[in-house]
């Protein structure tokens, strides 16, 4: 149970958390850009917030305000 006391010290857990988050970040980047097909698919989603809906579509709240 002494290994649990090791986690209670900030000087031990901060570097461990840094390593965990770094490898998580590298894993996500490798997943996204590792496959050309997946990369192109995800890159096509980047303009979704800028696409406008045509007036009168279902869910258009501009007329109801």
PDB file of N, CA and C in Angstrom:
ATOM      1  N   UNK A   1       0.809  -1.199   0.000  1.00  0.00           N
ATOM      2  CA  UNK A   1       0.000   0.000   0.000  1.00  0.00           C
ATOM      3  C   UNK A   1       0.854   1.267   0.000  1.00  0.00           C
ATOM      4  N   UNK A   2       2.147   1.105   0.056  1.00  0.00           N
ATOM      5  CA  UNK A   2       3.009   2.272   0.067  1.00  0.00           C
ATOM      6  C   UNK A   2       3.015   2.981  -1.287  1.00  0.00           C
ATOM      7  N   UNK A   3       2.714   2.260  -2.336  1.00  0.00           N
ATOM      8  CA  UNK A   3       2.668   2.879  -3.654  1.00  0.00           C
ATOM      9  C   UNK A   3       1.532   3.888  -3.753  1.00  0.00           C
ATOM     10  N   UNK A   4       0.476   3.743  -2.930  1.00  0.00           N
ATOM     11  CA  UNK A   4      -0.590   4.740  -2.918  1.00  0.00           C
ATOM     12  C   UNK A   4      -0.117   6.051  -2.303  1.00  0.00           C
ATOM     13  N   UNK A   5       0.772   5.971  -1.341  1.00  0.00           N
ATOM     14  CA  UNK A   5       1.327   7.185  -0.751  1.00  0.00           C
ATOM     15  C   UNK A   5       2.199   7.934  -1.758  1.00  0.00           C
ATOM     16  N   UNK A   6       2.789   7.199  -2.694  1.00  0.00           N
ATOM     17  CA  UNK A   6       3.596   7.827  -3.733  1.00  0.00           C
ATOM     18  C   UNK A   6       2.741   8.783  -4.569  1.00  0.00           C
ATOM     19  N   UNK A   7       1.482   8.408  -4.845  1.00  0.00           N
ATOM     20  CA  UNK A   7       0.579   9.240  -5.635  1.00  0.00           C
ATOM     21  C   UNK A   7       0.102  10.466  -4.876  1.00  0.00           C
ATOM     22  N   UNK A   8       0.196  10.486  -3.581  1.00  0.00           N
ATOM     23  CA  UNK A   8      -0.298  11.615  -2.800  1.00  0.00           C
ATOM     24  C   UNK A   8       0.661  12.794  -2.805  1.00  0.00           C
ATOM     25  N   UNK A   9       1.857  12.610  -3.312  1.00  0.00           N
ATOM     26  CA  UNK A   9       2.847  13.687  -3.340  1.00  0.00           C
ATOM     27  C   UNK A   9       2.815  14.386  -4.703  1.00  0.00           C
ATOM     28  N   UNK A  10       2.584  15.712  -4.709  1.00  0.00           N
ATOM     29  CA  UNK A  10       2.493  16.439  -5.995  1.00  0.00           C
ATOM     30  C   UNK A  10       3.753  16.355  -6.847  1.00  0.00           C
ATOM     31  N   UNK A  11       4.913  16.259  -6.220  1.00  0.00           N
ATOM     32  CA  UNK A  11       6.133  16.186  -7.026  1.00  0.00           C
ATOM     33  C   UNK A  11       6.230  14.873  -7.798  1.00  0.00           C
ATOM     34  N   UNK A  12       5.436  13.891  -7.430  1.00  0.00           N
ATOM     35  CA  UNK A  12       5.403  12.622  -8.159  1.00  0.00           C
ATOM     36  C   UNK A  12       4.273  12.588  -9.181  1.00  0.00           C
ATOM     37  N   UNK A  13       3.127  13.146  -8.831  1.00  0.00           N
ATOM     38  CA  UNK A  13       1.972  13.020  -9.708  1.00  0.00           C
ATOM     39  C   UNK A  13       1.986  14.008 -10.864  1.00  0.00           C
ATOM     40  N   UNK A  14       2.594  15.169 -10.703  1.00  0.00           N
ATOM     41  CA  UNK A  14       2.622  16.137 -11.805  1.00  0.00           C
ATOM     42  C   UNK A  14       3.386  15.614 -13.022  1.00  0.00           C
ATOM     43  N   UNK A  15       4.584  15.093 -12.866  1.00  0.00           N
ATOM     44  CA  UNK A  15       5.265  14.547 -14.050  1.00  0.00           C
ATOM     45  C   UNK A  15       4.531  13.336 -14.639  1.00  0.00           C
ATOM     46  N   UNK A  16       3.938  12.530 -13.778  1.00  0.00           N
ATOM     47  CA  UNK A  16       3.181  11.381 -14.274  1.00  0.00           C
ATOM     48  C   UNK A  16       1.974  11.831 -15.089  1.00  0.00           C
ATOM     49  N   UNK A  17       1.260  12.851 -14.605  1.00  0.00           N
ATOM     50  CA  UNK A  17       0.112  13.381 -15.348  1.00  0.00           C
ATOM     51  C   UNK A  17       0.565  13.994 -16.667  1.00  0.00           C
ATOM     52  N   UNK A  18       1.696  14.696 -16.660  1.00  0.00           N
ATOM     53  CA  UNK A  18       2.231  15.278 -17.885  1.00  0.00           C
ATOM     54  C   UNK A  18       2.524  14.202 -18.924  1.00  0.00           C
ATOM     55  N   UNK A  19       3.130  13.124 -18.501  1.00  0.00           N
ATOM     56  CA  UNK A  19       3.437  12.025 -19.418  1.00  0.00           C
ATOM     57  C   UNK A  19       2.163  11.393 -19.963  1.00  0.00           C
ATOM     58  N   UNK A  20       1.179  11.187 -19.092  1.00  0.00           N
ATOM     59  CA  UNK A  20      -0.088  10.585 -19.529  1.00  0.00           C
ATOM     60  C   UNK A  20      -0.785  11.485 -20.549  1.00  0.00           C
ATOM     61  N   UNK A  21      -0.885  12.785 -20.273  1.00  0.00           N
ATOM     62  CA  UNK A  21      -1.559  13.700 -21.193  1.00  0.00           C
ATOM     63  C   UNK A  21      -0.784  13.862 -22.498  1.00  0.00           C
ATOM     64  N   UNK A  22       0.538  13.841 -22.431  1.00  0.00           N
ATOM     65  CA  UNK A  22       1.337  13.948 -23.653  1.00  0.00           C
ATOM     66  C   UNK A  22       1.082  12.761 -24.577  1.00  0.00           C
ATOM     67  N   UNK A  23       1.133  11.559 -24.027  1.00  0.00           N
ATOM     68  CA  UNK A  23       0.911  10.384 -24.865  1.00  0.00           C
ATOM     69  C   UNK A  23      -0.536  10.290 -25.351  1.00  0.00           C
ATOM     70  N   UNK A  24      -1.468  10.791 -24.573  1.00  0.00           N
ATOM     71  CA  UNK A  24      -2.862  10.861 -25.031  1.00  0.00           C
ATOM     72  C   UNK A  24      -2.980  11.802 -26.219  1.00  0.00           C
ATOM     73  N   UNK A  25      -2.352  12.976 -26.117  1.00  0.00           N
ATOM     74  CA  UNK A  25      -2.366  13.936 -27.215  1.00  0.00           C
ATOM     75  C   UNK A  25      -1.718  13.363 -28.471  1.00  0.00           C
ATOM     76  N   UNK A  26      -0.577  12.736 -28.312  1.00  0.00           N
ATOM     77  CA  UNK A  26       0.120  12.132 -29.463  1.00  0.00           C
ATOM     78  C   UNK A  26      -0.740  11.023 -30.080  1.00  0.00           C
ATOM     79  N   UNK A  27      -1.422  10.262 -29.238  1.00  0.00           N
ATOM     80  CA  UNK A  27      -2.301   9.209 -29.741  1.00  0.00           C
ATOM     81  C   UNK A  27      -3.469   9.760 -30.541  1.00  0.00           C
ATOM     82  N   UNK A  28      -4.066  10.854 -30.067  1.00  0.00           N
ATOM     83  CA  UNK A  28      -5.180  11.463 -30.796  1.00  0.00           C
ATOM     84  C   UNK A  28      -4.705  12.016 -32.131  1.00  0.00           C
ATOM     85  N   UNK A  29      -3.564  12.695 -32.138  1.00  0.00           N
ATOM     86  CA  UNK A  29      -3.025  13.239 -33.388  1.00  0.00           C
ATOM     87  C   UNK A  29      -2.685  12.115 -34.365  1.00  0.00           C
ATOM     88  N   UNK A  30      -2.105  11.055 -33.868  1.00  0.00           N
ATOM     89  CA  UNK A  30      -1.779   9.920 -34.740  1.00  0.00           C
ATOM     90  C   UNK A  30      -3.043   9.274 -35.295  1.00  0.00           C
ATOM     91  N   UNK A  31      -4.093   9.201 -34.480  1.00  0.00           N
ATOM     92  CA  UNK A  31      -5.358   8.632 -34.949  1.00  0.00           C
ATOM     93  C   UNK A  31      -5.971   9.499 -36.045  1.00  0.00           C
ATOM     94  N   UNK A  32      -5.973  10.816 -35.838  1.00  0.00           N
ATOM     95  CA  UNK A  32      -6.621  11.715 -36.791  1.00  0.00           C
ATOM     96  C   UNK A  32      -5.852  11.779 -38.103  1.00  0.00           C
ATOM     97  N   UNK A  33      -4.544  11.928 -38.035  1.00  0.00           N
ATOM     98  CA  UNK A  33      -3.756  12.126 -39.250  1.00  0.00           C
ATOM     99  C   UNK A  33      -3.035  10.873 -39.727  1.00  0.00           C
ATOM    100  N   UNK A  34      -3.256   9.751 -39.076  1.00  0.00           N
ATOM    101  CA  UNK A  34      -2.580   8.518 -39.460  1.00  0.00           C
ATOM    102  C   UNK A  34      -3.096   7.917 -40.749  1.00  0.00           C
ATOM    103  N   UNK A  35      -4.373   8.033 -40.982  1.00  0.00           N
ATOM    104  CA  UNK A  35      -4.979   7.483 -42.181  1.00  0.00           C
ATOM    105  C   UNK A  35      -5.373   8.629 -43.111  1.00  0.00           C
ATOM    106  N   UNK A  36      -4.976   8.553 -44.361  1.00  0.00           N
ATOM    107  CA  UNK A  36      -5.289   9.635 -45.305  1.00  0.00           C
ATOM    108  C   UNK A  36      -6.794   9.755 -45.511  1.00  0.00           C
ATOM    109  N   UNK A  37      -7.489   8.637 -45.562  1.00  0.00           N
ATOM    110  CA  UNK A  37      -8.927   8.671 -45.775  1.00  0.00           C
ATOM    111  C   UNK A  37      -9.622   9.341 -44.581  1.00  0.00           C
ATOM    112  N   UNK A  38      -9.235   8.956 -43.369  1.00  0.00           N
ATOM    113  CA  UNK A  38      -9.831   9.544 -42.167  1.00  0.00           C
ATOM    114  C   UNK A  38      -9.467  11.018 -42.054  1.00  0.00           C
ATOM    115  N   UNK A  39      -8.244  11.353 -42.412  1.00  0.00           N
ATOM    116  CA  UNK A  39      -7.782  12.735 -42.354  1.00  0.00           C
ATOM    117  C   UNK A  39      -8.600  13.619 -43.285  1.00  0.00           C
ATOM    118  N   UNK A  40      -8.827  13.168 -44.503  1.00  0.00           N
ATOM    119  CA  UNK A  40      -9.623  13.944 -45.456  1.00  0.00           C
ATOM    120  C   UNK A  40     -11.063  14.088 -44.973  1.00  0.00           C
ATOM    121  N   UNK A  41     -11.601  13.044 -44.386  1.00  0.00           N
ATOM    122  CA  UNK A  41     -12.970  13.092 -43.876  1.00  0.00           C
ATOM    123  C   UNK A  41     -13.088  14.112 -42.743  1.00  0.00           C
ATOM    124  N   UNK A  42     -12.159  14.094 -41.813  1.00  0.00           N
ATOM    125  CA  UNK A  42     -12.215  15.027 -40.690  1.00  0.00           C
ATOM    126  C   UNK A  42     -11.900  16.453 -41.126  1.00  0.00           C
ATOM    127  N   UNK A  43     -11.034  16.626 -42.094  1.00  0.00           N
ATOM    128  CA  UNK A  43     -10.737  17.964 -42.607  1.00  0.00           C
ATOM    129  C   UNK A  43     -11.951  18.561 -43.300  1.00  0.00           C
ATOM    130  N   UNK A  44     -12.808  17.725 -43.889  1.00  0.00           N
ATOM    131  CA  UNK A  44     -13.998  18.247 -44.554  1.00  0.00           C
ATOM    132  C   UNK A  44     -15.019  18.774 -43.544  1.00  0.00           C
ATOM    133  N   UNK A  45     -14.900  18.368 -42.293  1.00  0.00           N
ATOM    134  CA  UNK A  45     -15.834  18.831 -41.262  1.00  0.00           C
ATOM    135  C   UNK A  45     -15.468  20.198 -40.698  1.00  0.00           C
ATOM    136  N   UNK A  46     -14.313  20.750 -41.035  1.00  0.00           N
ATOM    137  CA  UNK A  46     -13.863  21.980 -40.395  1.00  0.00           C
ATOM    138  C   UNK A  46     -14.707  23.194 -40.770  1.00  0.00           C
ATOM    139  N   UNK A  47     -15.410  23.171 -41.889  1.00  0.00           N
ATOM    140  CA  UNK A  47     -16.209  24.321 -42.315  1.00  0.00           C
ATOM    141  C   UNK A  47     -17.673  24.220 -41.912  1.00  0.00           C
ATOM    142  N   UNK A  48     -18.049  23.210 -41.177  1.00  0.00           N
ATOM    143  CA  UNK A  48     -19.451  23.025 -40.784  1.00  0.00           C
ATOM    144  C   UNK A  48     -20.015  24.233 -40.039  1.00  0.00           C
ATOM    145  N   UNK A  49     -19.307  24.856 -39.107  1.00  0.00           N
ATOM    146  CA  UNK A  49     -19.899  26.008 -38.412  1.00  0.00           C
ATOM    147  C   UNK A  49     -20.183  27.204 -39.322  1.00  0.00           C
ATOM    148  N   UNK A  50     -19.525  27.279 -40.462  1.00  0.00           N
ATOM    149  CA  UNK A  50     -19.691  28.422 -41.346  1.00  0.00           C
ATOM    150  C   UNK A  50     -20.748  28.205 -42.430  1.00  0.00           C
ATOM    151  N   UNK A  51     -21.298  27.014 -42.499  1.00  0.00           N
ATOM    152  CA  UNK A  51     -22.322  26.744 -43.501  1.00  0.00           C
ATOM    153  C   UNK A  51     -23.637  27.368 -43.052  1.00  0.00           C
ATOM    154  N   UNK A  52     -24.305  28.059 -43.966  1.00  0.00           N
ATOM    155  CA  UNK A  52     -25.577  28.707 -43.645  1.00  0.00           C
ATOM    156  C   UNK A  52     -26.736  27.814 -44.041  1.00  0.00           C
ATOM    157  N   UNK A  53     -27.775  27.890 -43.240  1.00  0.00           N
ATOM    158  CA  UNK A  53     -28.995  27.199 -43.608  1.00  0.00           C
ATOM    159  C   UNK A  53     -29.812  28.117 -44.499  1.00  0.00           C
ATOM    160  N   UNK A  54     -30.557  27.531 -45.431  1.00  0.00           N
ATOM    161  CA  UNK A  54     -31.427  28.359 -46.254  1.00  0.00           C
ATOM    162  C   UNK A  54     -32.655  28.733 -45.448  1.00  0.00           C
ATOM    163  N   UNK A  55     -33.202  29.928 -45.645  1.00  0.00           N
ATOM    164  CA  UNK A  55     -34.387  30.354 -44.877  1.00  0.00           C
ATOM    165  C   UNK A  55     -35.562  29.417 -45.101  1.00  0.00           C
ATOM    166  N   UNK A  56     -36.307  29.172 -44.057  1.00  0.00           N
ATOM    167  CA  UNK A  56     -37.488  28.322 -44.147  1.00  0.00           C
ATOM    168  C   UNK A  56     -37.230  26.869 -43.848  1.00  0.00           C
ATOM    169  N   UNK A  57     -35.999  26.505 -43.615  1.00  0.00           N
ATOM    170  CA  UNK A  57     -35.716  25.117 -43.263  1.00  0.00           C
ATOM    171  C   UNK A  57     -36.217  24.819 -41.861  1.00  0.00           C
ATOM    172  N   UNK A  58     -36.467  23.568 -41.614  1.00  0.00           N
ATOM    173  CA  UNK A  58     -36.892  23.145 -40.287  1.00  0.00           C
ATOM    174  C   UNK A  58     -35.762  23.440 -39.307  1.00  0.00           C
ATOM    175  N   UNK A  59     -36.114  24.034 -38.185  1.00  0.00           N
ATOM    176  CA  UNK A  59     -35.119  24.374 -37.189  1.00  0.00           C
ATOM    177  C   UNK A  59     -34.606  25.803 -37.335  1.00  0.00           C
ATOM    178  N   UNK A  60     -35.148  26.547 -38.284  1.00  0.00           N
ATOM    179  CA  UNK A  60     -34.737  27.941 -38.465  1.00  0.00           C
ATOM    180  C   UNK A  60     -35.413  28.784 -37.404  1.00  0.00           C
ATOM    181  N   UNK A  61     -34.666  29.362 -36.501  1.00  0.00           N
ATOM    182  CA  UNK A  61     -35.243  30.109 -35.386  1.00  0.00           C
ATOM    183  C   UNK A  61     -35.222  31.610 -35.619  1.00  0.00           C
ATOM    184  N   UNK A  62     -34.726  32.069 -36.732  1.00  0.00           N
ATOM    185  CA  UNK A  62     -34.650  33.505 -36.987  1.00  0.00           C
ATOM    186  C   UNK A  62     -36.046  34.123 -37.150  1.00  0.00           C
ATOM    187  N   UNK A  63     -36.995  33.397 -37.738  1.00  0.00           N
ATOM    188  CA  UNK A  63     -38.336  33.924 -37.960  1.00  0.00           C
ATOM    189  C   UNK A  63     -39.181  33.888 -36.705  1.00  0.00           C
ATOM    190  N   UNK A  64     -38.860  33.019 -35.753  1.00  0.00           N
ATOM    191  CA  UNK A  64     -39.730  32.849 -34.588  1.00  0.00           C
ATOM    192  C   UNK A  64     -39.366  33.778 -33.443  1.00  0.00           C
ATOM    193  N   UNK A  65     -38.306  34.550 -33.569  1.00  0.00           N
ATOM    194  CA  UNK A  65     -37.906  35.423 -32.450  1.00  0.00           C
ATOM    195  C   UNK A  65     -38.682  36.702 -32.443  1.00  0.00           C
TER     196      UNK A  65
END
